[in-house]
Amino acid sequence: MNRQESLTKIAAGAGLLTALPIAGWGRSHTADFTSDFLPRWETSKGYTLKVLDKMPEEYFNYAPTAEQMGFGKQLTHMAFWNSFYIAPFEGKQAMPEPKETTKATARAYIEENFDYCTSVIEKITAADLNRKSVIDENYWREHTGRDLLLRAFAHTSHHRAEAIVYLRLKGIEPPFFEF
């Protein structure tokens, strides 16, 4: 291949690369990520509240063993950590857990927490998703904003699944899974 042919191929390749944004390849990954994440987050909220609603008040603090958190505590713990992961995007601290874990206080706390986290997620930028040190503490400094959102989602699934096991141990059929 001579020099002229090489330059022609390079120019053609560059032309293709400049057309990629027109085809949608240059869209903001933030918009893609948050538009994918938020509906799942909202579904997670609804499903979590359905799981909570299934447990009768009399068993709300049931724990299968002394080492495990009770049913209600599993869910308020989950919500606390959601705000731990997400509140720092606004420079704020996690929402403190309620002092008592009744069904009513847990439900109100979880709803308020999910709603607060949603309001923060809706404002997250590409820089926020890619930034490290959103949480400026030793272990958390290396995690990006995207990591923190995914941790919140996974942590929610983990503790909600434990709560579902508690329902089954009490002979209660959990709500059908939603995703």
Protein backbone atom coordinates (compact mmCIF):
# COMPACT_ATOMS: atom_id res chain seq x y z
CA MET A 1 0.00 0.00 0.00
CA ASN A 2 1.40 3.38 -0.96
CA ARG A 3 1.28 6.55 1.05
CA GLN A 4 -1.69 7.99 -0.88
CA GLU A 5 -3.80 4.82 -0.24
CA SER A 6 -2.91 4.88 3.47
CA LEU A 7 -3.91 8.52 3.86
CA THR A 8 -7.19 7.87 2.02
CA LYS A 9 -8.05 4.98 4.38
CA ILE A 10 -7.15 7.01 7.46
CA ALA A 11 -9.36 9.86 6.26
CA ALA A 12 -12.25 7.48 5.58
CA GLY A 13 -11.87 6.00 9.07
CA ALA A 14 -11.85 9.46 10.63
CA GLY A 15 -15.02 10.28 8.70
CA LEU A 16 -16.72 7.21 10.15
CA LEU A 17 -15.65 8.17 13.66
CA THR A 18 -17.15 11.64 13.32
CA ALA A 19 -20.47 10.08 12.26
CA LEU A 20 -20.72 7.94 15.41
CA PRO A 21 -22.24 10.69 17.59
CA ILE A 22 -24.97 11.17 14.98
CA ALA A 23 -25.78 7.48 15.30
CA GLY A 24 -26.14 7.86 19.07
CA TRP A 25 -22.77 6.46 20.06
CA GLY A 26 -21.74 9.75 21.61
CA ARG A 27 -24.74 10.04 23.97
CA SER A 28 -24.06 10.72 27.58
CA HIS A 29 -23.52 7.51 29.48
CA THR A 30 -24.91 9.30 32.52
CA ALA A 31 -28.31 9.66 30.89
CA ASP A 32 -28.17 6.02 29.82
CA PHE A 33 -27.10 4.79 33.25
CA THR A 34 -29.53 6.85 35.31
CA SER A 35 -32.43 6.26 32.91
CA ASP A 36 -31.78 2.52 33.28
CA PHE A 37 -31.18 2.70 37.02
CA LEU A 38 -34.08 4.88 38.20
CA PRO A 39 -37.00 2.68 37.05
CA ARG A 40 -35.34 -0.32 38.66
CA TRP A 41 -34.78 1.72 41.84
CA GLU A 42 -38.48 2.65 41.92
CA THR A 43 -39.48 -0.99 41.36
CA SER A 44 -37.13 -1.99 44.16
CA LYS A 45 -38.82 0.51 46.48
CA GLY A 46 -42.29 -0.82 45.66
CA TYR A 47 -41.27 -4.43 46.04
CA THR A 48 -39.46 -3.75 49.32
CA LEU A 49 -42.59 -2.12 50.74
CA LYS A 50 -44.69 -5.10 49.62
CA VAL A 51 -42.29 -7.43 51.46
CA LEU A 52 -42.50 -5.23 54.56
CA ASP A 53 -46.31 -5.14 54.38
CA LYS A 54 -46.54 -8.95 54.33
CA MET A 55 -45.04 -9.37 57.81
CA PRO A 56 -47.64 -9.02 60.58
CA GLU A 57 -46.77 -6.54 63.33
CA GLU A 58 -46.53 -9.37 65.89
CA TYR A 59 -43.59 -10.89 63.98
CA PHE A 60 -42.03 -7.64 62.82
CA ASN A 61 -38.94 -8.04 65.01
CA TYR A 62 -38.64 -11.79 64.46
CA ALA A 63 -35.08 -13.08 63.92
CA PRO A 64 -34.32 -16.76 63.20
CA THR A 65 -31.23 -16.68 65.45
CA ALA A 66 -29.87 -14.37 68.12
CA GLU A 67 -27.00 -13.33 65.82
CA GLN A 68 -29.28 -12.06 63.06
CA MET A 69 -31.09 -8.76 62.79
CA GLY A 70 -34.85 -8.88 63.18
CA PHE A 71 -37.12 -8.55 60.16
CA GLY A 72 -37.77 -4.82 60.62
CA LYS A 73 -34.13 -4.09 61.42
CA GLN A 74 -33.05 -5.84 58.18
CA LEU A 75 -35.14 -3.33 56.25
CA THR A 76 -34.25 -0.17 58.21
CA HIS A 77 -30.58 -1.18 58.05
CA MET A 78 -30.94 -1.55 54.28
CA ALA A 79 -32.49 1.92 53.98
CA PHE A 80 -29.84 3.52 56.22
CA TRP A 81 -27.08 2.22 53.96
CA ASN A 82 -28.92 3.43 50.85
CA SER A 83 -28.69 6.96 52.21
CA PHE A 84 -25.10 6.32 53.38
CA TYR A 85 -24.15 5.55 49.76
CA ILE A 86 -26.24 8.26 48.11
CA ALA A 87 -26.47 11.29 50.46
CA PRO A 88 -22.75 12.15 49.97
CA PHE A 89 -23.51 13.11 46.36
CA GLU A 90 -25.11 16.19 47.98
CA GLY A 91 -22.48 16.46 50.71
CA LYS A 92 -24.88 15.12 53.33
CA GLN A 93 -24.85 12.32 55.90
CA ALA A 94 -27.00 9.18 55.95
CA MET A 95 -30.50 9.46 57.38
CA PRO A 96 -30.38 8.11 60.96
CA GLU A 97 -32.32 4.91 61.58
CA PRO A 98 -35.47 5.16 63.69
CA LYS A 99 -34.95 4.44 67.39
CA GLU A 100 -37.82 1.96 67.45
CA THR A 101 -38.57 -0.59 64.77
CA THR A 102 -42.33 -0.83 64.54
CA LYS A 103 -43.96 -1.63 61.25
CA ALA A 104 -45.26 1.94 60.90
CA THR A 105 -41.95 3.66 61.73
CA ALA A 106 -39.98 1.29 59.50
CA ARG A 107 -42.37 1.81 56.57
CA ALA A 108 -42.28 5.60 56.91
CA TYR A 109 -38.47 5.60 57.19
CA ILE A 110 -38.00 3.32 54.18
CA GLU A 111 -40.38 5.35 52.00
CA GLU A 112 -38.76 8.64 52.99
CA ASN A 113 -35.30 7.17 52.44
CA PHE A 114 -36.05 5.76 48.98
CA ASP A 115 -37.72 9.04 47.97
CA TYR A 116 -34.76 11.08 49.19
CA CYS A 117 -32.28 8.81 47.39
CA THR A 118 -34.36 9.04 44.20
CA SER A 119 -34.29 12.85 44.35
CA VAL A 120 -30.49 12.76 44.62
CA ILE A 121 -30.03 10.18 41.86
CA GLU A 122 -32.13 12.29 39.49
CA LYS A 123 -29.52 15.08 39.77
CA ILE A 124 -26.39 12.95 39.38
CA THR A 125 -24.04 14.06 36.59
CA ALA A 126 -21.52 12.14 34.50
CA ALA A 127 -18.78 13.66 36.63
CA ASP A 128 -20.52 12.35 39.78
CA LEU A 129 -20.77 8.83 38.37
CA ASN A 130 -17.10 8.72 37.45
CA ARG A 131 -15.74 10.62 40.45
CA LYS A 132 -13.91 8.82 43.24
CA SER A 133 -14.04 9.99 46.85
CA VAL A 134 -17.76 10.79 46.81
CA ILE A 135 -17.46 9.39 50.33
CA ASP A 136 -14.24 10.79 51.75
CA GLU A 137 -13.34 7.99 54.14
CA ASN A 138 -10.45 5.56 53.76
CA TYR A 139 -12.21 2.48 52.39
CA TRP A 140 -14.68 4.42 50.25
CA ARG A 141 -12.26 6.82 48.54
CA GLU A 142 -11.50 4.47 45.65
CA HIS A 143 -15.17 3.84 44.82
CA THR A 144 -16.75 5.81 41.99
CA GLY A 145 -20.22 7.28 42.18
CA ARG A 146 -21.42 4.50 39.88
CA ASP A 147 -19.97 1.94 42.32
CA LEU A 148 -21.94 3.50 45.17
CA LEU A 149 -25.25 3.35 43.28
CA LEU A 150 -24.66 -0.28 42.37
CA ARG A 151 -23.73 -1.06 45.98
CA ALA A 152 -26.98 0.51 47.18
CA PHE A 153 -28.97 -1.60 44.72
CA ALA A 154 -27.14 -4.84 45.60
CA HIS A 155 -27.32 -4.15 49.34
CA THR A 156 -31.06 -3.56 49.06
CA SER A 157 -31.50 -6.88 47.24
CA HIS A 158 -29.41 -8.69 49.83
CA HIS A 159 -31.37 -7.51 52.88
CA ARG A 160 -34.73 -7.75 51.17
CA ALA A 161 -33.91 -11.37 50.32
CA GLU A 162 -33.12 -12.03 53.98
CA ALA A 163 -36.48 -10.51 54.92
CA ILE A 164 -38.17 -12.82 52.39
CA VAL A 165 -36.57 -15.82 54.08
CA TYR A 166 -37.98 -14.58 57.41
CA LEU A 167 -41.45 -14.45 55.83
CA ARG A 168 -41.09 -18.03 54.62
CA LEU A 169 -39.87 -19.18 58.04
CA LYS A 170 -43.09 -17.76 59.48
CA GLY A 171 -45.15 -19.59 56.83
CA ILE A 172 -45.97 -16.38 54.97
CA GLU A 173 -45.82 -16.37 51.19
CA PRO A 174 -43.82 -13.37 49.98
CA PRO A 175 -45.09 -11.13 47.21
CA PHE A 176 -44.25 -12.22 43.69
CA PHE A 177 -40.84 -10.94 42.63
CA GLU A 178 -40.78 -7.72 40.63
CA PHE A 179 -37.92 -6.36 38.58
